[in-house]
Structures are given as structure tokens and as C-alpha cells.
Amino acid sequence: TPTFSGRGNLVVAPGERDLSAILADVGDCVLITSFMGGNSDSTTGD
């Protein structure tokens, strides 16, 4: 059954904490602030 074509506004259901609270709890990690190029395979997801 057709829905529609053409993306509108993507909305992610939110959690409970912001970035500062999450980082304080995670402790050690890599924080990504931007992506630079790259690619993905739409067939496999790689």
C-alpha cells in the first residue's frame, strides 16, 4: 500500500538525559562532533 515519497521531518523519540549527563556517566569514550566523507552500501549496510 502506498504511503508517500519524499522525506519530511525525521523525529527521534527522546530519552531522558542530555549530552553532559551522558558523558559524565559513560566515562571513557570517543565523542564524535562531525563526519567527514565516507560511504555506506545500501545493499549490505557496510
All heavy atoms as atom14 arrays in JSON, in Angstrom:
{
  "sequence": "TPTFSGRGNLVVAPGERDLSAILADVGDCVLITSFMGGNSDSTTGD",
  "atom14_mask": [
    [1, 1, 1, 1, 1, 1, 1, 0, 0, 0, 0, 0, 0, 0],
    [1, 1, 1, 1, 1, 1, 1, 0, 0, 0, 0, 0, 0, 0],
    [1, 1, 1, 1, 1, 1, 1, 0, 0, 0, 0, 0, 0, 0],
    [1, 1, 1, 1, 1, 1, 1, 1, 1, 1, 1, 0, 0, 0],
    [1, 1, 1, 1, 1, 1, 0, 0, 0, 0, 0, 0, 0, 0],
    [1, 1, 1, 1, 0, 0, 0, 0, 0, 0, 0, 0, 0, 0],
    [1, 1, 1, 1, 1, 1, 1, 1, 1, 1, 1, 0, 0, 0],
    [1, 1, 1, 1, 0, 0, 0, 0, 0, 0, 0, 0, 0, 0],
    [1, 1, 1, 1, 1, 1, 1, 1, 0, 0, 0, 0, 0, 0],
    [1, 1, 1, 1, 1, 1, 1, 1, 0, 0, 0, 0, 0, 0],
    [1, 1, 1, 1, 1, 1, 1, 0, 0, 0, 0, 0, 0, 0],
    [1, 1, 1, 1, 1, 1, 1, 0, 0, 0, 0, 0, 0, 0],
    [1, 1, 1, 1, 1, 0, 0, 0, 0, 0, 0, 0, 0, 0],
    [1, 1, 1, 1, 1, 1, 1, 0, 0, 0, 0, 0, 0, 0],
    [1, 1, 1, 1, 0, 0, 0, 0, 0, 0, 0, 0, 0, 0],
    [1, 1, 1, 1, 1, 1, 1, 1, 1, 0, 0, 0, 0, 0],
    [1, 1, 1, 1, 1, 1, 1, 1, 1, 1, 1, 0, 0, 0],
    [1, 1, 1, 1, 1, 1, 1, 1, 0, 0, 0, 0, 0, 0],
    [1, 1, 1, 1, 1, 1, 1, 1, 0, 0, 0, 0, 0, 0],
    [1, 1, 1, 1, 1, 1, 0, 0, 0, 0, 0, 0, 0, 0],
    [1, 1, 1, 1, 1, 0, 0, 0, 0, 0, 0, 0, 0, 0],
    [1, 1, 1, 1, 1, 1, 1, 1, 0, 0, 0, 0, 0, 0],
    [1, 1, 1, 1, 1, 1, 1, 1, 0, 0, 0, 0, 0, 0],
    [1, 1, 1, 1, 1, 0, 0, 0, 0, 0, 0, 0, 0, 0],
    [1, 1, 1, 1, 1, 1, 1, 1, 0, 0, 0, 0, 0, 0],
    [1, 1, 1, 1, 1, 1, 1, 0, 0, 0, 0, 0, 0, 0],
    [1, 1, 1, 1, 0, 0, 0, 0, 0, 0, 0, 0, 0, 0],
    [1, 1, 1, 1, 1, 1, 1, 1, 0, 0, 0, 0, 0, 0],
    [1, 1, 1, 1, 1, 1, 0, 0, 0, 0, 0, 0, 0, 0],
    [1, 1, 1, 1, 1, 1, 1, 0, 0, 0, 0, 0, 0, 0],
    [1, 1, 1, 1, 1, 1, 1, 1, 0, 0, 0, 0, 0, 0],
    [1, 1, 1, 1, 1, 1, 1, 1, 0, 0, 0, 0, 0, 0],
    [1, 1, 1, 1, 1, 1, 1, 0, 0, 0, 0, 0, 0, 0],
    [1, 1, 1, 1, 1, 1, 0, 0, 0, 0, 0, 0, 0, 0],
    [1, 1, 1, 1, 1, 1, 1, 1, 1, 1, 1, 0, 0, 0],
    [1, 1, 1, 1, 1, 1, 1, 1, 0, 0, 0, 0, 0, 0],
    [1, 1, 1, 1, 0, 0, 0, 0, 0, 0, 0, 0, 0, 0],
    [1, 1, 1, 1, 0, 0, 0, 0, 0, 0, 0, 0, 0, 0],
    [1, 1, 1, 1, 1, 1, 1, 1, 0, 0, 0, 0, 0, 0],
    [1, 1, 1, 1, 1, 1, 0, 0, 0, 0, 0, 0, 0, 0],
    [1, 1, 1, 1, 1, 1, 1, 1, 0, 0, 0, 0, 0, 0],
    [1, 1, 1, 1, 1, 1, 0, 0, 0, 0, 0, 0, 0, 0],
    [1, 1, 1, 1, 1, 1, 1, 0, 0, 0, 0, 0, 0, 0],
    [1, 1, 1, 1, 1, 1, 1, 0, 0, 0, 0, 0, 0, 0],
    [1, 1, 1, 1, 0, 0, 0, 0, 0, 0, 0, 0, 0, 0],
    [1, 1, 1, 1, 1, 1, 1, 1, 0, 0, 0, 0, 0, 0]
  ],
  "atom14_positions": [
    [[0.85, -1.19, 0.0], [0.0, 0.0, 0.0], [0.88, 1.24, 0.0], [1.79, 1.35, 0.82], [-0.9, 0.03, 1.25], [-1.71, -1.15, 1.25], [-1.79, 1.25, 1.24], [0.0, 0.0, 0.0], [0.0, 0.0, 0.0], [0.0, 0.0, 0.0], [0.0, 0.0, 0.0], [0.0, 0.0, 0.0], [0.0, 0.0, 0.0], [0.0, 0.0, 0.0]],
    [[0.65, 2.19, -0.89], [1.46, 3.4, -0.91], [1.35, 4.19, 0.4], [0.27, 4.22, 1.03], [0.89, 4.2, -2.08], [0.21, 3.19, -2.95], [-0.33, 2.16, -2.0], [0.0, 0.0, 0.0], [0.0, 0.0, 0.0], [0.0, 0.0, 0.0], [0.0, 0.0, 0.0], [0.0, 0.0, 0.0], [0.0, 0.0, 0.0], [0.0, 0.0, 0.0]],
    [[2.43, 4.78, 0.8], [2.44, 5.71, 1.94], [2.61, 7.11, 1.36], [1.66, 7.8, 1.1], [3.54, 5.36, 2.94], [4.8, 5.28, 2.29], [3.23, 4.04, 3.61], [0.0, 0.0, 0.0], [0.0, 0.0, 0.0], [0.0, 0.0, 0.0], [0.0, 0.0, 0.0], [0.0, 0.0, 0.0], [0.0, 0.0, 0.0], [0.0, 0.0, 0.0]],
    [[3.83, 7.5, 1.12], [4.16, 8.71, 0.37], [5.65, 8.65, 0.06], [6.39, 7.86, 0.64], [3.81, 10.0, 1.12], [4.51, 10.16, 2.45], [5.77, 10.74, 2.53], [3.9, 9.74, 3.63], [6.42, 10.89, 3.75], [4.53, 9.89, 4.85], [5.8, 10.47, 4.91], [0.0, 0.0, 0.0], [0.0, 0.0, 0.0], [0.0, 0.0, 0.0]],
    [[6.09, 9.46, -0.87], [7.52, 9.53, -1.2], [8.03, 10.9, -0.82], [7.27, 11.88, -0.78], [7.73, 9.27, -2.7], [7.01, 10.22, -3.47], [0.0, 0.0, 0.0], [0.0, 0.0, 0.0], [0.0, 0.0, 0.0], [0.0, 0.0, 0.0], [0.0, 0.0, 0.0], [0.0, 0.0, 0.0], [0.0, 0.0, 0.0], [0.0, 0.0, 0.0]],
    [[9.29, 11.0, -0.54], [9.87, 12.29, -0.18], [9.89, 12.49, 1.31], [8.86, 12.57, 1.97], [0.0, 0.0, 0.0], [0.0, 0.0, 0.0], [0.0, 0.0, 0.0], [0.0, 0.0, 0.0], [0.0, 0.0, 0.0], [0.0, 0.0, 0.0], [0.0, 0.0, 0.0], [0.0, 0.0, 0.0], [0.0, 0.0, 0.0], [0.0, 0.0, 0.0]],
    [[11.1, 12.57, 1.86], [11.27, 12.69, 3.3], [10.77, 14.03, 3.82], [10.88, 15.06, 3.16], [12.75, 12.51, 3.65], [13.04, 12.23, 5.1], [14.5, 11.83, 5.29], [14.81, 10.62, 4.54], [16.03, 10.13, 4.44], [17.05, 10.73, 5.0], [16.22, 9.02, 3.74], [0.0, 0.0, 0.0], [0.0, 0.0, 0.0], [0.0, 0.0, 0.0]],
    [[10.22, 14.01, 5.04], [9.74, 15.23, 5.67], [10.65, 15.65, 6.81], [11.79, 16.07, 6.59], [0.0, 0.0, 0.0], [0.0, 0.0, 0.0], [0.0, 0.0, 0.0], [0.0, 0.0, 0.0], [0.0, 0.0, 0.0], [0.0, 0.0, 0.0], [0.0, 0.0, 0.0], [0.0, 0.0, 0.0], [0.0, 0.0, 0.0], [0.0, 0.0, 0.0]],
    [[10.17, 15.5, 8.04], [10.95, 15.82, 9.23], [11.19, 14.54, 10.02], [10.23, 13.91, 10.5], [10.2, 16.81, 10.12], [9.81, 18.08, 9.39], [10.65, 18.92, 9.1], [8.52, 18.22, 9.07], [0.0, 0.0, 0.0], [0.0, 0.0, 0.0], [0.0, 0.0, 0.0], [0.0, 0.0, 0.0], [0.0, 0.0, 0.0], [0.0, 0.0, 0.0]],
    [[12.45, 14.13, 10.17], [12.76, 12.94, 10.96], [12.79, 13.3, 12.43], [13.47, 14.26, 12.83], [14.11, 12.36, 10.54], [14.2, 11.82, 9.11], [15.59, 11.26, 8.84], [13.15, 10.75, 8.86], [0.0, 0.0, 0.0], [0.0, 0.0, 0.0], [0.0, 0.0, 0.0], [0.0, 0.0, 0.0], [0.0, 0.0, 0.0], [0.0, 0.0, 0.0]],
    [[12.07, 12.55, 13.23], [11.95, 12.84, 14.66], [12.3, 11.57, 15.44], [11.63, 10.54, 15.31], [10.53, 13.3, 15.03], [10.45, 13.64, 16.51], [10.12, 14.51, 14.18], [0.0, 0.0, 0.0], [0.0, 0.0, 0.0], [0.0, 0.0, 0.0], [0.0, 0.0, 0.0], [0.0, 0.0, 0.0], [0.0, 0.0, 0.0], [0.0, 0.0, 0.0]],
    [[13.35, 11.64, 16.23], [13.77, 10.53, 17.07], [13.11, 10.68, 18.44], [13.21, 11.74, 19.07], [15.3, 10.49, 17.24], [15.72, 9.32, 18.12], [15.97, 10.4, 15.87], [0.0, 0.0, 0.0], [0.0, 0.0, 0.0], [0.0, 0.0, 0.0], [0.0, 0.0, 0.0], [0.0, 0.0, 0.0], [0.0, 0.0, 0.0], [0.0, 0.0, 0.0]],
    [[12.42, 9.64, 18.9], [11.81, 9.7, 20.23], [12.92, 9.9, 21.27], [13.9, 9.15, 21.29], [11.04, 8.42, 20.52], [0.0, 0.0, 0.0], [0.0, 0.0, 0.0], [0.0, 0.0, 0.0], [0.0, 0.0, 0.0], [0.0, 0.0, 0.0], [0.0, 0.0, 0.0], [0.0, 0.0, 0.0], [0.0, 0.0, 0.0], [0.0, 0.0, 0.0]],
    [[12.79, 10.91, 22.14], [13.88, 11.27, 23.04], [14.02, 10.35, 24.24], [13.08, 9.66, 24.64], [13.51, 12.69, 23.48], [12.01, 12.68, 23.44], [11.64, 11.82, 22.26], [0.0, 0.0, 0.0], [0.0, 0.0, 0.0], [0.0, 0.0, 0.0], [0.0, 0.0, 0.0], [0.0, 0.0, 0.0], [0.0, 0.0, 0.0], [0.0, 0.0, 0.0]],
    [[15.21, 10.39, 24.82], [15.47, 9.7, 26.08], [15.28, 10.65, 27.25], [14.42, 11.54, 27.19], [0.0, 0.0, 0.0], [0.0, 0.0, 0.0], [0.0, 0.0, 0.0], [0.0, 0.0, 0.0], [0.0, 0.0, 0.0], [0.0, 0.0, 0.0], [0.0, 0.0, 0.0], [0.0, 0.0, 0.0], [0.0, 0.0, 0.0], [0.0, 0.0, 0.0]],
    [[16.12, 10.49, 28.27], [15.9, 11.26, 29.49], [17.04, 12.19, 29.86], [16.89, 13.02, 30.75], [15.67, 10.28, 30.67], [14.44, 9.39, 30.48], [14.24, 8.45, 31.65], [15.13, 8.4, 32.54], [13.19, 7.76, 31.67], [0.0, 0.0, 0.0], [0.0, 0.0, 0.0], [0.0, 0.0, 0.0], [0.0, 0.0, 0.0], [0.0, 0.0, 0.0]],
    [[18.21, 12.07, 29.18], [19.37, 12.86, 29.59], [19.98, 13.6, 28.42], [19.83, 13.19, 27.26], [20.42, 11.95, 30.23], [19.89, 11.13, 31.4], [21.01, 10.4, 32.11], [21.68, 9.42, 31.27], [22.75, 8.72, 31.64], [23.28, 8.93, 32.84], [23.3, 7.82, 30.85], [0.0, 0.0, 0.0], [0.0, 0.0, 0.0], [0.0, 0.0, 0.0]],
    [[20.7, 14.7, 28.74], [21.38, 15.43, 27.68], [22.82, 14.97, 27.56], [23.28, 14.07, 28.29], [21.29, 16.93, 27.91], [22.0, 17.39, 29.18], [22.72, 16.59, 29.81], [21.83, 18.57, 29.55], [0.0, 0.0, 0.0], [0.0, 0.0, 0.0], [0.0, 0.0, 0.0], [0.0, 0.0, 0.0], [0.0, 0.0, 0.0], [0.0, 0.0, 0.0]],
    [[23.56, 15.59, 26.63], [24.93, 15.17, 26.34], [25.82, 15.22, 27.57], [26.59, 14.28, 27.83], [25.5, 16.07, 25.23], [26.97, 15.85, 24.86], [27.21, 14.46, 24.33], [27.42, 16.9, 23.84], [0.0, 0.0, 0.0], [0.0, 0.0, 0.0], [0.0, 0.0, 0.0], [0.0, 0.0, 0.0], [0.0, 0.0, 0.0], [0.0, 0.0, 0.0]],
    [[25.74, 16.29, 28.35], [26.62, 16.43, 29.52], [26.4, 15.31, 30.53], [27.37, 14.71, 31.04], [26.38, 17.79, 30.2], [26.72, 18.84, 29.32], [0.0, 0.0, 0.0], [0.0, 0.0, 0.0], [0.0, 0.0, 0.0], [0.0, 0.0, 0.0], [0.0, 0.0, 0.0], [0.0, 0.0, 0.0], [0.0, 0.0, 0.0], [0.0, 0.0, 0.0]],
    [[25.14, 15.0, 30.8], [24.84, 13.94, 31.76], [25.27, 12.58, 31.22], [25.76, 11.73, 31.97], [23.34, 13.93, 32.07], [0.0, 0.0, 0.0], [0.0, 0.0, 0.0], [0.0, 0.0, 0.0], [0.0, 0.0, 0.0], [0.0, 0.0, 0.0], [0.0, 0.0, 0.0], [0.0, 0.0, 0.0], [0.0, 0.0, 0.0], [0.0, 0.0, 0.0]],
    [[25.11, 12.37, 29.92], [25.5, 11.1, 29.33], [27.01, 10.91, 29.4], [27.51, 9.85, 29.78], [25.0, 11.02, 27.87], [23.47, 10.84, 27.86], [25.67, 9.87, 27.12], [22.86, 10.94, 26.49], [0.0, 0.0, 0.0], [0.0, 0.0, 0.0], [0.0, 0.0, 0.0], [0.0, 0.0, 0.0], [0.0, 0.0, 0.0], [0.0, 0.0, 0.0]],
    [[27.78, 11.95, 29.06], [29.23, 11.84, 29.1], [29.73, 11.57, 30.51], [30.65, 10.76, 30.72], [29.87, 13.11, 28.56], [29.76, 13.36, 27.05], [30.42, 14.68, 26.68], [30.38, 12.22, 26.26], [0.0, 0.0, 0.0], [0.0, 0.0, 0.0], [0.0, 0.0, 0.0], [0.0, 0.0, 0.0], [0.0, 0.0, 0.0], [0.0, 0.0, 0.0]],
    [[29.12, 12.23, 31.49], [29.54, 12.02, 32.88], [29.34, 10.57, 33.3], [30.13, 10.02, 34.09], [28.76, 12.95, 33.8], [0.0, 0.0, 0.0], [0.0, 0.0, 0.0], [0.0, 0.0, 0.0], [0.0, 0.0, 0.0], [0.0, 0.0, 0.0], [0.0, 0.0, 0.0], [0.0, 0.0, 0.0], [0.0, 0.0, 0.0], [0.0, 0.0, 0.0]],
    [[28.32, 9.93, 32.77], [28.02, 8.55, 33.15], [28.85, 7.55, 32.34], [29.31, 6.54, 32.87], [26.53, 8.28, 32.95], [26.12, 6.91, 33.46], [26.44, 6.58, 34.61], [25.49, 6.16, 32.69], [0.0, 0.0, 0.0], [0.0, 0.0, 0.0], [0.0, 0.0, 0.0], [0.0, 0.0, 0.0], [0.0, 0.0, 0.0], [0.0, 0.0, 0.0]],
    [[29.05, 7.84, 31.06], [29.8, 6.92, 30.2], [31.26, 6.85, 30.63], [31.87, 5.78, 30.63], [29.69, 7.35, 28.72], [30.65, 6.55, 27.85], [28.26, 7.15, 28.22], [0.0, 0.0, 0.0], [0.0, 0.0, 0.0], [0.0, 0.0, 0.0], [0.0, 0.0, 0.0], [0.0, 0.0, 0.0], [0.0, 0.0, 0.0], [0.0, 0.0, 0.0]],
    [[31.82, 7.99, 30.98], [33.21, 7.99, 31.43], [34.19, 8.11, 30.29], [34.51, 9.21, 29.84], [0.0, 0.0, 0.0], [0.0, 0.0, 0.0], [0.0, 0.0, 0.0], [0.0, 0.0, 0.0], [0.0, 0.0, 0.0], [0.0, 0.0, 0.0], [0.0, 0.0, 0.0], [0.0, 0.0, 0.0], [0.0, 0.0, 0.0], [0.0, 0.0, 0.0]],
    [[34.68, 6.98, 29.78], [35.66, 6.98, 28.69], [34.97, 6.61, 27.38], [34.26, 5.6, 27.29], [36.78, 5.97, 28.97], [37.58, 6.32, 30.21], [37.38, 7.43, 30.74], [38.4, 5.48, 30.65], [0.0, 0.0, 0.0], [0.0, 0.0, 0.0], [0.0, 0.0, 0.0], [0.0, 0.0, 0.0], [0.0, 0.0, 0.0], [0.0, 0.0, 0.0]],
    [[35.22, 7.42, 26.35], [34.58, 7.19, 25.06], [35.22, 8.1, 24.02], [36.13, 8.88, 24.32], [33.08, 7.45, 25.14], [32.65, 9.17, 25.5], [0.0, 0.0, 0.0], [0.0, 0.0, 0.0], [0.0, 0.0, 0.0], [0.0, 0.0, 0.0], [0.0, 0.0, 0.0], [0.0, 0.0, 0.0], [0.0, 0.0, 0.0], [0.0, 0.0, 0.0]],
    [[34.71, 8.0, 22.79], [35.04, 8.97, 21.76], [33.77, 9.74, 21.44], [32.73, 9.14, 21.14], [35.59, 8.3, 20.48], [35.8, 9.33, 19.38], [36.89, 7.56, 20.78], [0.0, 0.0, 0.0], [0.0, 0.0, 0.0], [0.0, 0.0, 0.0], [0.0, 0.0, 0.0], [0.0, 0.0, 0.0], [0.0, 0.0, 0.0], [0.0, 0.0, 0.0]],
    [[33.85, 11.07, 21.55], [32.72, 11.94, 21.21], [32.9, 12.41, 19.77], [33.89, 13.07, 19.44], [32.68, 13.14, 22.15], [31.7, 14.27, 21.78], [30.26, 13.78, 21.8], [31.89, 15.47, 22.7], [0.0, 0.0, 0.0], [0.0, 0.0, 0.0], [0.0, 0.0, 0.0], [0.0, 0.0, 0.0], [0.0, 0.0, 0.0], [0.0, 0.0, 0.0]],
    [[31.96, 12.07, 18.91], [32.02, 12.49, 17.51], [31.24, 13.78, 17.35], [30.06, 13.87, 17.71], [31.45, 11.41, 16.58], [32.36, 10.19, 16.58], [31.29, 11.94, 15.16], [31.92, 9.08, 15.67], [0.0, 0.0, 0.0], [0.0, 0.0, 0.0], [0.0, 0.0, 0.0], [0.0, 0.0, 0.0], [0.0, 0.0, 0.0], [0.0, 0.0, 0.0]],
    [[31.92, 14.79, 16.79], [31.27, 16.08, 16.56], [30.97, 16.32, 15.08], [30.15, 17.19, 14.76], [32.14, 17.22, 17.09], [33.44, 17.15, 16.49], [32.28, 17.13, 18.6], [0.0, 0.0, 0.0], [0.0, 0.0, 0.0], [0.0, 0.0, 0.0], [0.0, 0.0, 0.0], [0.0, 0.0, 0.0], [0.0, 0.0, 0.0], [0.0, 0.0, 0.0]],
    [[31.61, 15.57, 14.2], [31.28, 15.69, 12.77], [31.81, 14.48, 12.02], [32.77, 13.82, 12.44], [31.86, 16.97, 12.16], [33.27, 16.95, 12.17], [0.0, 0.0, 0.0], [0.0, 0.0, 0.0], [0.0, 0.0, 0.0], [0.0, 0.0, 0.0], [0.0, 0.0, 0.0], [0.0, 0.0, 0.0], [0.0, 0.0, 0.0], [0.0, 0.0, 0.0]],
    [[31.15, 14.18, 10.9], [31.59, 13.13, 9.99], [32.2, 13.77, 8.76], [31.74, 14.82, 8.3], [30.41, 12.24, 9.59], [29.9, 11.39, 10.72], [28.82, 11.82, 11.49], [30.48, 10.18, 11.02], [28.34, 11.05, 12.54], [30.01, 9.39, 12.07], [28.94, 9.84, 12.83], [0.0, 0.0, 0.0], [0.0, 0.0, 0.0], [0.0, 0.0, 0.0]],
    [[33.24, 13.15, 8.24], [33.95, 13.69, 7.09], [33.99, 12.64, 5.98], [34.78, 11.7, 6.03], [35.37, 14.08, 7.49], [35.44, 15.1, 8.61], [37.13, 15.41, 9.15], [37.87, 16.0, 7.62], [0.0, 0.0, 0.0], [0.0, 0.0, 0.0], [0.0, 0.0, 0.0], [0.0, 0.0, 0.0], [0.0, 0.0, 0.0], [0.0, 0.0, 0.0]],
    [[33.12, 12.79, 5.0], [33.12, 11.87, 3.88], [32.77, 10.45, 4.28], [32.06, 10.22, 5.26], [0.0, 0.0, 0.0], [0.0, 0.0, 0.0], [0.0, 0.0, 0.0], [0.0, 0.0, 0.0], [0.0, 0.0, 0.0], [0.0, 0.0, 0.0], [0.0, 0.0, 0.0], [0.0, 0.0, 0.0], [0.0, 0.0, 0.0], [0.0, 0.0, 0.0]],
    [[33.27, 9.52, 3.51], [32.94, 8.13, 3.75], [31.78, 7.67, 2.9], [31.24, 8.41, 2.08], [0.0, 0.0, 0.0], [0.0, 0.0, 0.0], [0.0, 0.0, 0.0], [0.0, 0.0, 0.0], [0.0, 0.0, 0.0], [0.0, 0.0, 0.0], [0.0, 0.0, 0.0], [0.0, 0.0, 0.0], [0.0, 0.0, 0.0], [0.0, 0.0, 0.0]],
    [[31.38, 6.41, 3.08], [30.3, 5.86, 2.26], [29.67, 4.69, 2.99], [30.24, 4.15, 3.95], [30.83, 5.42, 0.9], [31.97, 4.42, 1.02], [31.74, 3.24, 1.28], [33.21, 4.89, 0.86], [0.0, 0.0, 0.0], [0.0, 0.0, 0.0], [0.0, 0.0, 0.0], [0.0, 0.0, 0.0], [0.0, 0.0, 0.0], [0.0, 0.0, 0.0]],
    [[28.5, 4.3, 2.5], [27.81, 3.12, 3.02], [27.17, 2.39, 1.87], [26.77, 2.99, 0.87], [26.76, 3.51, 4.07], [25.78, 4.36, 3.51], [0.0, 0.0, 0.0], [0.0, 0.0, 0.0], [0.0, 0.0, 0.0], [0.0, 0.0, 0.0], [0.0, 0.0, 0.0], [0.0, 0.0, 0.0], [0.0, 0.0, 0.0], [0.0, 0.0, 0.0]],
    [[27.06, 1.08, 2.01], [26.48, 0.21, 0.99], [25.01, -0.02, 1.33], [24.7, -0.61, 2.37], [27.25, -1.11, 0.95], [26.83, -2.01, -0.21], [25.62, -2.07, -0.51], [27.7, -2.66, -0.8], [0.0, 0.0, 0.0], [0.0, 0.0, 0.0], [0.0, 0.0, 0.0], [0.0, 0.0, 0.0], [0.0, 0.0, 0.0], [0.0, 0.0, 0.0]],
    [[24.11, 0.45, 0.46], [22.69, 0.34, 0.76], [22.18, -1.09, 0.73], [21.13, -1.39, 1.29], [21.88, 1.18, -0.25], [22.04, 0.66, -1.57], [0.0, 0.0, 0.0], [0.0, 0.0, 0.0], [0.0, 0.0, 0.0], [0.0, 0.0, 0.0], [0.0, 0.0, 0.0], [0.0, 0.0, 0.0], [0.0, 0.0, 0.0], [0.0, 0.0, 0.0]],
    [[22.93, -2.0, 0.09], [22.51, -3.4, -0.01], [22.89, -4.2, 1.22], [22.11, -5.0, 1.74], [23.11, -4.05, -1.26], [22.74, -3.3, -2.41], [22.63, -5.48, -1.41], [0.0, 0.0, 0.0], [0.0, 0.0, 0.0], [0.0, 0.0, 0.0], [0.0, 0.0, 0.0], [0.0, 0.0, 0.0], [0.0, 0.0, 0.0], [0.0, 0.0, 0.0]],
    [[24.11, -3.98, 1.73], [24.6, -4.76, 2.87], [24.57, -3.97, 4.18], [24.54, -4.57, 5.25], [26.05, -5.21, 2.62], [26.89, -4.05, 2.54], [26.14, -5.99, 1.32], [0.0, 0.0, 0.0], [0.0, 0.0, 0.0], [0.0, 0.0, 0.0], [0.0, 0.0, 0.0], [0.0, 0.0, 0.0], [0.0, 0.0, 0.0], [0.0, 0.0, 0.0]],
    [[24.64, -2.64, 4.08], [24.73, -1.83, 5.29], [26.16, -1.58, 5.75], [26.39, -0.87, 6.74], [0.0, 0.0, 0.0], [0.0, 0.0, 0.0], [0.0, 0.0, 0.0], [0.0, 0.0, 0.0], [0.0, 0.0, 0.0], [0.0, 0.0, 0.0], [0.0, 0.0, 0.0], [0.0, 0.0, 0.0], [0.0, 0.0, 0.0], [0.0, 0.0, 0.0]],
    [[27.15, -2.13, 5.05], [28.55, -1.9, 5.42], [28.9, -0.43, 5.2], [28.47, 0.18, 4.21], [29.48, -2.78, 4.59], [29.32, -4.25, 4.92], [28.83, -4.56, 6.02], [29.68, -5.09, 4.07], [0.0, 0.0, 0.0], [0.0, 0.0, 0.0], [0.0, 0.0, 0.0], [0.0, 0.0, 0.0], [0.0, 0.0, 0.0], [0.0, 0.0, 0.0]]
  ]
}
